[in-house]
């Protein structure tokens, strides 16, 4: 059985379907200007940074293990955050108690 070249070539050109409209992976979020004002105040979000600053303002300061448990960070991350606060201008005081535990505190005045 022989095949002709005409048998291998399709006689009609397949019609291409029109392209579908692309859909976004998720619906676009409304912009803040699109959200109606309800008049109720929005509570500020509690961040780990604000939690650390509140702990540092306590009387007697705060120990490293309390910072770690409050944030879930490892000790080197907590110490790095304290360094960042110092670089931002906060006056960070570091004291070692009679029990050998180092405690950090912040004074209200910015460091100069």
PDB file of N, CA and C in Angstrom:
ATOM      1  N   UNK A   1       0.822  -1.157   0.000  1.00  0.00           N
ATOM      2  CA  UNK A   1       0.000   0.000   0.000  1.00  0.00           C
ATOM      3  C   UNK A   1       0.878   1.237   0.000  1.00  0.00           C
ATOM      4  N   UNK A   2       0.625   2.063  -0.942  1.00  0.00           N
ATOM      5  CA  UNK A   2       1.394   3.284  -1.088  1.00  0.00           C
ATOM      6  C   UNK A   2       0.584   4.464  -0.580  1.00  0.00           C
ATOM      7  N   UNK A   3       1.298   5.432  -0.015  1.00  0.00           N
ATOM      8  CA  UNK A   3       0.615   6.635   0.440  1.00  0.00           C
ATOM      9  C   UNK A   3       1.039   7.796  -0.431  1.00  0.00           C
ATOM     10  N   UNK A   4       0.101   8.596  -0.740  1.00  0.00           N
ATOM     11  CA  UNK A   4       0.389   9.805  -1.502  1.00  0.00           C
ATOM     12  C   UNK A   4       0.692  10.931  -0.541  1.00  0.00           C
ATOM     13  N   UNK A   5       1.434  11.886  -1.011  1.00  0.00           N
ATOM     14  CA  UNK A   5       1.705  13.067  -0.193  1.00  0.00           C
ATOM     15  C   UNK A   5       0.426  13.828   0.093  1.00  0.00           C
ATOM     16  N   UNK A   6      -0.531  13.728  -0.772  1.00  0.00           N
ATOM     17  CA  UNK A   6      -1.801  14.435  -0.585  1.00  0.00           C
ATOM     18  C   UNK A   6      -2.564  13.863   0.606  1.00  0.00           C
ATOM     19  N   UNK A   7      -2.337  12.574   0.922  1.00  0.00           N
ATOM     20  CA  UNK A   7      -3.021  11.971   2.062  1.00  0.00           C
ATOM     21  C   UNK A   7      -2.468  12.487   3.392  1.00  0.00           C
ATOM     22  N   UNK A   8      -1.223  12.918   3.417  1.00  0.00           N
ATOM     23  CA  UNK A   8      -0.592  13.371   4.644  1.00  0.00           C
ATOM     24  C   UNK A   8      -0.896  14.835   4.966  1.00  0.00           C
ATOM     25  N   UNK A   9      -1.215  15.626   3.980  1.00  0.00           N
ATOM     26  CA  UNK A   9      -1.476  17.044   4.183  1.00  0.00           C
ATOM     27  C   UNK A   9      -2.960  17.231   4.453  1.00  0.00           C
ATOM     28  N   UNK A  10      -3.311  17.921   5.514  1.00  0.00           N
ATOM     29  CA  UNK A  10      -4.738  18.124   5.777  1.00  0.00           C
ATOM     30  C   UNK A  10      -5.342  19.015   4.691  1.00  0.00           C
ATOM     31  N   UNK A  11      -6.557  18.689   4.353  1.00  0.00           N
ATOM     32  CA  UNK A  11      -7.208  19.423   3.270  1.00  0.00           C
ATOM     33  C   UNK A  11      -7.764  20.751   3.752  1.00  0.00           C
ATOM     34  N   UNK A  12      -8.070  20.860   5.030  1.00  0.00           N
ATOM     35  CA  UNK A  12      -8.583  22.122   5.549  1.00  0.00           C
ATOM     36  C   UNK A  12      -7.662  22.619   6.650  1.00  0.00           C
ATOM     37  N   UNK A  13      -7.548  23.894   6.741  1.00  0.00           N
ATOM     38  CA  UNK A  13      -6.739  24.497   7.795  1.00  0.00           C
ATOM     39  C   UNK A  13      -7.628  24.642   9.021  1.00  0.00           C
ATOM     40  N   UNK A  14      -7.173  24.132  10.171  1.00  0.00           N
ATOM     41  CA  UNK A  14      -8.015  24.231  11.364  1.00  0.00           C
ATOM     42  C   UNK A  14      -8.221  25.691  11.757  1.00  0.00           C
ATOM     43  N   UNK A  15      -9.435  25.997  12.152  1.00  0.00           N
ATOM     44  CA  UNK A  15      -9.760  27.358  12.578  1.00  0.00           C
ATOM     45  C   UNK A  15      -9.179  27.576  13.978  1.00  0.00           C
ATOM     46  N   UNK A  16      -8.527  28.682  14.161  1.00  0.00           N
ATOM     47  CA  UNK A  16      -8.005  28.998  15.487  1.00  0.00           C
ATOM     48  C   UNK A  16      -9.112  29.641  16.300  1.00  0.00           C
ATOM     49  N   UNK A  17      -9.180  29.234  17.520  1.00  0.00           N
ATOM     50  CA  UNK A  17     -10.199  29.793  18.396  1.00  0.00           C
ATOM     51  C   UNK A  17      -9.726  31.158  18.882  1.00  0.00           C
ATOM     52  N   UNK A  18     -10.658  32.056  19.123  1.00  0.00           N
ATOM     53  CA  UNK A  18     -10.234  33.351  19.650  1.00  0.00           C
ATOM     54  C   UNK A  18      -9.632  33.174  21.039  1.00  0.00           C
ATOM     55  N   UNK A  19      -8.685  34.034  21.362  1.00  0.00           N
ATOM     56  CA  UNK A  19      -8.019  33.937  22.662  1.00  0.00           C
ATOM     57  C   UNK A  19      -9.003  34.246  23.782  1.00  0.00           C
ATOM     58  N   UNK A  20      -8.850  33.477  24.838  1.00  0.00           N
ATOM     59  CA  UNK A  20      -9.693  33.715  26.000  1.00  0.00           C
ATOM     60  C   UNK A  20      -9.195  34.948  26.735  1.00  0.00           C
ATOM     61  N   UNK A  21     -10.104  35.573  27.439  1.00  0.00           N
ATOM     62  CA  UNK A  21      -9.722  36.706  28.283  1.00  0.00           C
ATOM     63  C   UNK A  21      -8.892  36.173  29.442  1.00  0.00           C
ATOM     64  N   UNK A  22      -7.812  36.842  29.740  1.00  0.00           N
ATOM     65  CA  UNK A  22      -6.983  36.422  30.868  1.00  0.00           C
ATOM     66  C   UNK A  22      -7.648  36.823  32.162  1.00  0.00           C
ATOM     67  N   UNK A  23      -7.635  35.899  33.101  1.00  0.00           N
ATOM     68  CA  UNK A  23      -8.188  36.186  34.419  1.00  0.00           C
ATOM     69  C   UNK A  23      -7.038  36.366  35.395  1.00  0.00           C
ATOM     70  N   UNK A  24      -7.254  37.192  36.367  1.00  0.00           N
ATOM     71  CA  UNK A  24      -6.242  37.402  37.388  1.00  0.00           C
ATOM     72  C   UNK A  24      -6.258  36.221  38.354  1.00  0.00           C
ATOM     73  N   UNK A  25      -5.127  35.970  38.976  1.00  0.00           N
ATOM     74  CA  UNK A  25      -5.031  34.854  39.915  1.00  0.00           C
ATOM     75  C   UNK A  25      -5.957  35.061  41.106  1.00  0.00           C
ATOM     76  N   UNK A  26      -6.109  36.281  41.510  1.00  0.00           N
ATOM     77  CA  UNK A  26      -7.039  36.597  42.594  1.00  0.00           C
ATOM     78  C   UNK A  26      -7.679  37.933  42.292  1.00  0.00           C
ATOM     79  N   UNK A  27      -8.770  38.148  42.935  1.00  0.00           N
ATOM     80  CA  UNK A  27      -9.498  39.386  42.698  1.00  0.00           C
ATOM     81  C   UNK A  27      -8.684  40.572  43.217  1.00  0.00           C
ATOM     82  N   UNK A  28      -8.699  41.681  42.523  1.00  0.00           N
ATOM     83  CA  UNK A  28      -7.944  42.840  43.015  1.00  0.00           C
ATOM     84  C   UNK A  28      -8.540  43.371  44.314  1.00  0.00           C
ATOM     85  N   UNK A  29      -7.663  43.775  45.201  1.00  0.00           N
ATOM     86  CA  UNK A  29      -8.089  44.313  46.487  1.00  0.00           C
ATOM     87  C   UNK A  29      -8.534  45.759  46.300  1.00  0.00           C
ATOM     88  N   UNK A  30      -9.546  46.178  47.047  1.00  0.00           N
ATOM     89  CA  UNK A  30      -9.980  47.574  46.910  1.00  0.00           C
ATOM     90  C   UNK A  30      -8.907  48.513  47.438  1.00  0.00           C
ATOM     91  N   UNK A  31      -8.757  49.642  46.787  1.00  0.00           N
ATOM     92  CA  UNK A  31      -7.808  50.649  47.239  1.00  0.00           C
ATOM     93  C   UNK A  31      -8.389  51.352  48.459  1.00  0.00           C
ATOM     94  N   UNK A  32      -7.523  51.921  49.302  1.00  0.00           N
ATOM     95  CA  UNK A  32      -8.040  52.600  50.496  1.00  0.00           C
ATOM     96  C   UNK A  32      -9.040  53.706  50.167  1.00  0.00           C
ATOM     97  N   UNK A  33      -8.896  54.337  49.011  1.00  0.00           N
ATOM     98  CA  UNK A  33      -9.838  55.395  48.660  1.00  0.00           C
ATOM     99  C   UNK A  33     -11.202  54.816  48.279  1.00  0.00           C
ATOM    100  N   UNK A  34     -11.257  53.531  47.901  1.00  0.00           N
ATOM    101  CA  UNK A  34     -12.510  52.891  47.523  1.00  0.00           C
ATOM    102  C   UNK A  34     -13.291  52.365  48.730  1.00  0.00           C
ATOM    103  N   UNK A  35     -12.632  52.219  49.866  1.00  0.00           N
ATOM    104  CA  UNK A  35     -13.266  51.658  51.050  1.00  0.00           C
ATOM    105  C   UNK A  35     -14.065  52.770  51.733  1.00  0.00           C
ATOM    106  N   UNK A  36     -15.335  52.547  51.993  1.00  0.00           N
ATOM    107  CA  UNK A  36     -16.120  53.593  52.644  1.00  0.00           C
ATOM    108  C   UNK A  36     -15.679  53.774  54.094  1.00  0.00           C
ATOM    109  N   UNK A  37     -15.708  55.009  54.555  1.00  0.00           N
ATOM    110  CA  UNK A  37     -15.330  55.322  55.927  1.00  0.00           C
ATOM    111  C   UNK A  37     -16.495  54.985  56.851  1.00  0.00           C
ATOM    112  N   UNK A  38     -16.266  54.097  57.791  1.00  0.00           N
ATOM    113  CA  UNK A  38     -17.330  53.685  58.705  1.00  0.00           C
ATOM    114  C   UNK A  38     -17.404  54.582  59.930  1.00  0.00           C
ATOM    115  N   UNK A  39     -16.384  55.403  60.130  1.00  0.00           N
ATOM    116  CA  UNK A  39     -16.393  56.302  61.275  1.00  0.00           C
ATOM    117  C   UNK A  39     -15.825  55.694  62.539  1.00  0.00           C
ATOM    118  N   UNK A  40     -15.647  54.370  62.577  1.00  0.00           N
ATOM    119  CA  UNK A  40     -15.082  53.747  63.773  1.00  0.00           C
ATOM    120  C   UNK A  40     -13.560  53.787  63.676  1.00  0.00           C
ATOM    121  N   UNK A  41     -12.897  54.096  64.789  1.00  0.00           N
ATOM    122  CA  UNK A  41     -11.436  54.169  64.739  1.00  0.00           C
ATOM    123  C   UNK A  41     -10.833  52.778  64.540  1.00  0.00           C
ATOM    124  N   UNK A  42      -9.769  52.729  63.782  1.00  0.00           N
ATOM    125  CA  UNK A  42      -9.071  51.474  63.526  1.00  0.00           C
ATOM    126  C   UNK A  42      -7.993  51.320  64.586  1.00  0.00           C
ATOM    127  N   UNK A  43      -7.991  50.175  65.250  1.00  0.00           N
ATOM    128  CA  UNK A  43      -6.987  49.938  66.277  1.00  0.00           C
ATOM    129  C   UNK A  43      -5.645  49.678  65.617  1.00  0.00           C
ATOM    130  N   UNK A  44      -4.575  50.271  66.142  1.00  0.00           N
ATOM    131  CA  UNK A  44      -3.268  50.018  65.558  1.00  0.00           C
ATOM    132  C   UNK A  44      -2.859  48.568  65.776  1.00  0.00           C
ATOM    133  N   UNK A  45      -2.136  48.050  64.830  1.00  0.00           N
ATOM    134  CA  UNK A  45      -1.698  46.669  64.898  1.00  0.00           C
ATOM    135  C   UNK A  45      -0.562  46.539  65.914  1.00  0.00           C
ATOM    136  N   UNK A  46      -0.609  45.511  66.726  1.00  0.00           N
ATOM    137  CA  UNK A  46       0.460  45.258  67.678  1.00  0.00           C
ATOM    138  C   UNK A  46       1.565  44.501  66.961  1.00  0.00           C
ATOM    139  N   UNK A  47       2.732  45.105  66.936  1.00  0.00           N
ATOM    140  CA  UNK A  47       3.860  44.480  66.265  1.00  0.00           C
ATOM    141  C   UNK A  47       4.847  43.968  67.306  1.00  0.00           C
ATOM    142  N   UNK A  48       5.761  43.142  66.860  1.00  0.00           N
ATOM    143  CA  UNK A  48       6.786  42.636  67.774  1.00  0.00           C
ATOM    144  C   UNK A  48       7.677  43.779  68.243  1.00  0.00           C
ATOM    145  N   UNK A  49       7.918  44.738  67.357  1.00  0.00           N
ATOM    146  CA  UNK A  49       8.743  45.884  67.723  1.00  0.00           C
ATOM    147  C   UNK A  49       8.081  46.699  68.829  1.00  0.00           C
ATOM    148  N   UNK A  50       6.782  46.917  68.721  1.00  0.00           N
ATOM    149  CA  UNK A  50       6.098  47.683  69.764  1.00  0.00           C
ATOM    150  C   UNK A  50       6.038  46.893  71.068  1.00  0.00           C
ATOM    151  N   UNK A  51       5.948  45.574  70.976  1.00  0.00           N
ATOM    152  CA  UNK A  51       5.950  44.742  72.184  1.00  0.00           C
ATOM    153  C   UNK A  51       7.302  44.832  72.892  1.00  0.00           C
ATOM    154  N   UNK A  52       8.389  44.818  72.122  1.00  0.00           N
ATOM    155  CA  UNK A  52       9.721  44.917  72.723  1.00  0.00           C
ATOM    156  C   UNK A  52       9.902  46.285  73.370  1.00  0.00           C
ATOM    157  N   UNK A  53       9.465  47.338  72.678  1.00  0.00           N
ATOM    158  CA  UNK A  53       9.611  48.675  73.239  1.00  0.00           C
ATOM    159  C   UNK A  53       8.810  48.814  74.533  1.00  0.00           C
ATOM    160  N   UNK A  54       7.635  48.203  74.599  1.00  0.00           N
ATOM    161  CA  UNK A  54       6.840  48.255  75.834  1.00  0.00           C
ATOM    162  C   UNK A  54       7.550  47.502  76.954  1.00  0.00           C
ATOM    163  N   UNK A  55       8.159  46.365  76.643  1.00  0.00           N
ATOM    164  CA  UNK A  55       8.891  45.612  77.663  1.00  0.00           C
ATOM    165  C   UNK A  55      10.107  46.390  78.151  1.00  0.00           C
ATOM    166  N   UNK A  56      10.776  47.090  77.246  1.00  0.00           N
ATOM    167  CA  UNK A  56      11.958  47.855  77.637  1.00  0.00           C
ATOM    168  C   UNK A  56      11.613  49.036  78.528  1.00  0.00           C
ATOM    169  N   UNK A  57      10.396  49.549  78.431  1.00  0.00           N
ATOM    170  CA  UNK A  57       9.987  50.707  79.230  1.00  0.00           C
ATOM    171  C   UNK A  57       9.532  50.312  80.646  1.00  0.00           C
ATOM    172  N   UNK A  58       9.422  49.020  80.925  1.00  0.00           N
ATOM    173  CA  UNK A  58       9.017  48.589  82.269  1.00  0.00           C
ATOM    174  C   UNK A  58      10.089  48.954  83.292  1.00  0.00           C
ATOM    175  N   UNK A  59       9.663  49.113  84.538  1.00  0.00           N
ATOM    176  CA  UNK A  59      10.629  49.379  85.607  1.00  0.00           C
ATOM    177  C   UNK A  59      11.537  48.167  85.758  1.00  0.00           C
ATOM    178  N   UNK A  60      12.822  48.411  85.824  1.00  0.00           N
ATOM    179  CA  UNK A  60      13.777  47.325  85.974  1.00  0.00           C
ATOM    180  C   UNK A  60      14.200  46.716  84.656  1.00  0.00           C
ATOM    181  N   UNK A  61      13.594  47.140  83.559  1.00  0.00           N
ATOM    182  CA  UNK A  61      13.985  46.634  82.250  1.00  0.00           C
ATOM    183  C   UNK A  61      13.473  45.225  82.007  1.00  0.00           C
ATOM    184  N   UNK A  62      14.127  44.542  81.084  1.00  0.00           N
ATOM    185  CA  UNK A  62      13.687  43.212  80.682  1.00  0.00           C
ATOM    186  C   UNK A  62      14.911  42.350  80.374  1.00  0.00           C
ATOM    187  N   UNK A  63      14.797  41.076  80.702  1.00  0.00           N
ATOM    188  CA  UNK A  63      15.877  40.130  80.437  1.00  0.00           C
ATOM    189  C   UNK A  63      15.734  39.577  79.020  1.00  0.00           C
ATOM    190  N   UNK A  64      16.805  39.030  78.512  1.00  0.00           N
ATOM    191  CA  UNK A  64      16.828  38.521  77.140  1.00  0.00           C
ATOM    192  C   UNK A  64      15.837  37.377  76.950  1.00  0.00           C
ATOM    193  N   UNK A  65      15.710  36.493  77.926  1.00  0.00           N
ATOM    194  CA  UNK A  65      14.787  35.368  77.760  1.00  0.00           C
ATOM    195  C   UNK A  65      13.333  35.837  77.664  1.00  0.00           C
ATOM    196  N   UNK A  66      12.994  36.953  78.335  1.00  0.00           N
ATOM    197  CA  UNK A  66      11.633  37.499  78.232  1.00  0.00           C
ATOM    198  C   UNK A  66      11.394  38.092  76.848  1.00  0.00           C
ATOM    199  N   UNK A  67      12.421  38.729  76.285  1.00  0.00           N
ATOM    200  CA  UNK A  67      12.300  39.259  74.919  1.00  0.00           C
ATOM    201  C   UNK A  67      12.103  38.126  73.921  1.00  0.00           C
ATOM    202  N   UNK A  68      12.864  37.056  74.101  1.00  0.00           N
ATOM    203  CA  UNK A  68      12.762  35.914  73.186  1.00  0.00           C
ATOM    204  C   UNK A  68      11.392  35.253  73.266  1.00  0.00           C
ATOM    205  N   UNK A  69      10.873  35.098  74.472  1.00  0.00           N
ATOM    206  CA  UNK A  69       9.573  34.444  74.603  1.00  0.00           C
ATOM    207  C   UNK A  69       8.437  35.348  74.126  1.00  0.00           C
ATOM    208  N   UNK A  70       8.597  36.663  74.240  1.00  0.00           N
ATOM    209  CA  UNK A  70       7.547  37.587  73.799  1.00  0.00           C
ATOM    210  C   UNK A  70       7.455  37.666  72.279  1.00  0.00           C
ATOM    211  N   UNK A  71       8.583  37.477  71.596  1.00  0.00           N
ATOM    212  CA  UNK A  71       8.603  37.629  70.139  1.00  0.00           C
ATOM    213  C   UNK A  71       8.714  36.312  69.388  1.00  0.00           C
ATOM    214  N   UNK A  72       9.247  35.294  70.030  1.00  0.00           N
ATOM    215  CA  UNK A  72       9.505  34.041  69.328  1.00  0.00           C
ATOM    216  C   UNK A  72      10.816  34.080  68.560  1.00  0.00           C
ATOM    217  N   UNK A  73      11.606  35.130  68.775  1.00  0.00           N
ATOM    218  CA  UNK A  73      12.887  35.276  68.101  1.00  0.00           C
ATOM    219  C   UNK A  73      13.970  34.551  68.876  1.00  0.00           C
ATOM    220  N   UNK A  74      15.072  34.293  68.195  1.00  0.00           N
ATOM    221  CA  UNK A  74      16.235  33.722  68.856  1.00  0.00           C
ATOM    222  C   UNK A  74      17.015  34.843  69.529  1.00  0.00           C
ATOM    223  N   UNK A  75      17.866  34.502  70.504  1.00  0.00           N
ATOM    224  CA  UNK A  75      18.568  35.553  71.257  1.00  0.00           C
ATOM    225  C   UNK A  75      19.384  36.507  70.391  1.00  0.00           C
ATOM    226  N   UNK A  76      20.060  36.000  69.364  1.00  0.00           N
ATOM    227  CA  UNK A  76      20.882  36.897  68.541  1.00  0.00           C
ATOM    228  C   UNK A  76      20.009  37.890  67.762  1.00  0.00           C
ATOM    229  N   UNK A  77      18.780  37.498  67.440  1.00  0.00           N
ATOM    230  CA  UNK A  77      17.875  38.401  66.736  1.00  0.00           C
ATOM    231  C   UNK A  77      17.391  39.498  67.676  1.00  0.00           C
ATOM    232  N   UNK A  78      17.103  39.145  68.914  1.00  0.00           N
ATOM    233  CA  UNK A  78      16.680  40.155  69.899  1.00  0.00           C
ATOM    234  C   UNK A  78      17.802  41.155  70.155  1.00  0.00           C
ATOM    235  N   UNK A  79      19.029  40.662  70.293  1.00  0.00           N
ATOM    236  CA  UNK A  79      20.151  41.578  70.519  1.00  0.00           C
ATOM    237  C   UNK A  79      20.370  42.475  69.309  1.00  0.00           C
ATOM    238  N   UNK A  80      20.183  41.944  68.108  1.00  0.00           N
ATOM    239  CA  UNK A  80      20.325  42.753  66.896  1.00  0.00           C
ATOM    240  C   UNK A  80      19.241  43.823  66.833  1.00  0.00           C
ATOM    241  N   UNK A  81      18.034  43.495  67.276  1.00  0.00           N
ATOM    242  CA  UNK A  81      16.964  44.492  67.298  1.00  0.00           C
ATOM    243  C   UNK A  81      17.298  45.613  68.274  1.00  0.00           C
ATOM    244  N   UNK A  82      17.871  45.257  69.435  1.00  0.00           N
ATOM    245  CA  UNK A  82      18.282  46.273  70.406  1.00  0.00           C
ATOM    246  C   UNK A  82      19.361  47.175  69.815  1.00  0.00           C
ATOM    247  N   UNK A  83      20.260  46.603  69.047  1.00  0.00           N
ATOM    248  CA  UNK A  83      21.282  47.401  68.373  1.00  0.00           C
ATOM    249  C   UNK A  83      20.641  48.351  67.370  1.00  0.00           C
ATOM    250  N   UNK A  84      19.635  47.874  66.668  1.00  0.00           N
ATOM    251  CA  UNK A  84      18.926  48.724  65.723  1.00  0.00           C
ATOM    252  C   UNK A  84      18.227  49.883  66.407  1.00  0.00           C
ATOM    253  N   UNK A  85      17.644  49.629  67.579  1.00  0.00           N
ATOM    254  CA  UNK A  85      17.018  50.714  68.339  1.00  0.00           C
ATOM    255  C   UNK A  85      18.062  51.742  68.761  1.00  0.00           C
ATOM    256  N   UNK A  86      19.217  51.246  69.170  1.00  0.00           N
ATOM    257  CA  UNK A  86      20.292  52.153  69.583  1.00  0.00           C
ATOM    258  C   UNK A  86      20.735  53.015  68.397  1.00  0.00           C
ATOM    259  N   UNK A  87      20.822  52.415  67.213  1.00  0.00           N
ATOM    260  CA  UNK A  87      21.233  53.170  66.025  1.00  0.00           C
ATOM    261  C   UNK A  87      20.173  54.187  65.601  1.00  0.00           C
ATOM    262  N   UNK A  88      18.909  53.908  65.933  1.00  0.00           N
ATOM    263  CA  UNK A  88      17.840  54.860  65.624  1.00  0.00           C
ATOM    264  C   UNK A  88      17.828  56.033  66.591  1.00  0.00           C
ATOM    265  N   UNK A  89      18.616  55.944  67.676  1.00  0.00           N
ATOM    266  CA  UNK A  89      18.718  57.061  68.603  1.00  0.00           C
ATOM    267  C   UNK A  89      18.118  56.817  69.967  1.00  0.00           C
ATOM    268  N   UNK A  90      17.590  55.640  70.237  1.00  0.00           N
ATOM    269  CA  UNK A  90      17.049  55.343  71.562  1.00  0.00           C
ATOM    270  C   UNK A  90      18.199  55.103  72.539  1.00  0.00           C
ATOM    271  N   UNK A  91      18.029  55.557  73.758  1.00  0.00           N
ATOM    272  CA  UNK A  91      19.041  55.361  74.794  1.00  0.00           C
ATOM    273  C   UNK A  91      18.772  54.018  75.477  1.00  0.00           C
ATOM    274  N   UNK A  92      19.508  52.997  75.077  1.00  0.00           N
ATOM    275  CA  UNK A  92      19.355  51.650  75.625  1.00  0.00           C
ATOM    276  C   UNK A  92      20.375  51.477  76.748  1.00  0.00           C
ATOM    277  N   UNK A  93      19.882  51.135  77.940  1.00  0.00           N
ATOM    278  CA  UNK A  93      20.756  50.889  79.084  1.00  0.00           C
ATOM    279  C   UNK A  93      20.856  49.389  79.308  1.00  0.00           C
ATOM    280  N   UNK A  94      22.086  48.928  79.538  1.00  0.00           N
ATOM    281  CA  UNK A  94      22.329  47.501  79.771  1.00  0.00           C
ATOM    282  C   UNK A  94      22.962  47.365  81.152  1.00  0.00           C
ATOM    283  N   UNK A  95      22.301  46.601  82.016  1.00  0.00           N
ATOM    284  CA  UNK A  95      22.818  46.397  83.370  1.00  0.00           C
ATOM    285  C   UNK A  95      22.826  44.914  83.690  1.00  0.00           C
ATOM    286  N   UNK A  96      23.778  44.535  84.509  1.00  0.00           N
ATOM    287  CA  UNK A  96      23.862  43.140  84.948  1.00  0.00           C
ATOM    288  C   UNK A  96      23.558  43.109  86.431  1.00  0.00           C
ATOM    289  N   UNK A  97      22.560  42.336  86.807  1.00  0.00           N
ATOM    290  CA  UNK A  97      22.143  42.260  88.210  1.00  0.00           C
ATOM    291  C   UNK A  97      23.049  41.369  89.031  1.00  0.00           C
ATOM    292  N   UNK A  98      22.747  41.311  90.326  1.00  0.00           N
ATOM    293  CA  UNK A  98      23.522  40.461  91.229  1.00  0.00           C
ATOM    294  C   UNK A  98      23.354  38.987  90.882  1.00  0.00           C
ATOM    295  N   UNK A  99      22.230  38.653  90.257  1.00  0.00           N
ATOM    296  CA  UNK A  99      21.981  37.256  89.891  1.00  0.00           C
ATOM    297  C   UNK A  99      22.686  36.865  88.591  1.00  0.00           C
ATOM    298  N   UNK A 100      23.379  37.811  87.936  1.00  0.00           N
ATOM    299  CA  UNK A 100      24.114  37.514  86.717  1.00  0.00           C
ATOM    300  C   UNK A 100      23.286  37.652  85.447  1.00  0.00           C
ATOM    301  N   UNK A 101      22.034  38.063  85.578  1.00  0.00           N
ATOM    302  CA  UNK A 101      21.161  38.212  84.415  1.00  0.00           C
ATOM    303  C   UNK A 101      21.293  39.632  83.872  1.00  0.00           C
ATOM    304  N   UNK A 102      21.546  39.746  82.585  1.00  0.00           N
ATOM    305  CA  UNK A 102      21.642  41.052  81.944  1.00  0.00           C
ATOM    306  C   UNK A 102      20.244  41.542  81.611  1.00  0.00           C
ATOM    307  N   UNK A 103      19.983  42.797  81.955  1.00  0.00           N
ATOM    308  CA  UNK A 103      18.675  43.393  81.699  1.00  0.00           C
ATOM    309  C   UNK A 103      18.871  44.660  80.885  1.00  0.00           C
ATOM    310  N   UNK A 104      17.962  44.856  79.926  1.00  0.00           N
ATOM    311  CA  UNK A 104      17.992  46.039  79.075  1.00  0.00           C
ATOM    312  C   UNK A 104      16.788  46.911  79.395  1.00  0.00           C
ATOM    313  N   UNK A 105      16.984  48.211  79.310  1.00  0.00           N
ATOM    314  CA  UNK A 105      15.883  49.148  79.489  1.00  0.00           C
ATOM    315  C   UNK A 105      16.139  50.343  78.572  1.00  0.00           C
ATOM    316  N   UNK A 106      15.096  51.106  78.331  1.00  0.00           N
ATOM    317  CA  UNK A 106      15.221  52.293  77.489  1.00  0.00           C
ATOM    318  C   UNK A 106      14.714  53.478  78.292  1.00  0.00           C
ATOM    319  N   UNK A 107      15.449  54.586  78.188  1.00  0.00           N
ATOM    320  CA  UNK A 107      14.989  55.803  78.857  1.00  0.00           C
ATOM    321  C   UNK A 107      14.149  56.597  77.867  1.00  0.00           C
ATOM    322  N   UNK A 108      13.335  57.497  78.381  1.00  0.00           N
ATOM    323  CA  UNK A 108      12.447  58.264  77.516  1.00  0.00           C
ATOM    324  C   UNK A 108      13.198  59.230  76.616  1.00  0.00           C
ATOM    325  N   UNK A 109      14.349  59.704  77.072  1.00  0.00           N
ATOM    326  CA  UNK A 109      15.108  60.666  76.268  1.00  0.00           C
ATOM    327  C   UNK A 109      15.861  59.945  75.165  1.00  0.00           C
ATOM    328  N   UNK A 110      15.902  60.583  74.014  1.00  0.00           N
ATOM    329  CA  UNK A 110      16.671  60.027  72.894  1.00  0.00           C
ATOM    330  C   UNK A 110      18.155  60.246  73.176  1.00  0.00           C
ATOM    331  N   UNK A 111      18.991  59.318  72.716  1.00  0.00           N
ATOM    332  CA  UNK A 111      20.421  59.441  72.883  1.00  0.00           C
ATOM    333  C   UNK A 111      20.941  60.538  71.964  1.00  0.00           C
ATOM    334  N   UNK A 112      21.931  61.262  72.425  1.00  0.00           N
ATOM    335  CA  UNK A 112      22.486  62.332  71.587  1.00  0.00           C
ATOM    336  C   UNK A 112      23.853  61.992  71.099  1.00  0.00           C
TER     337      UNK A 112
END
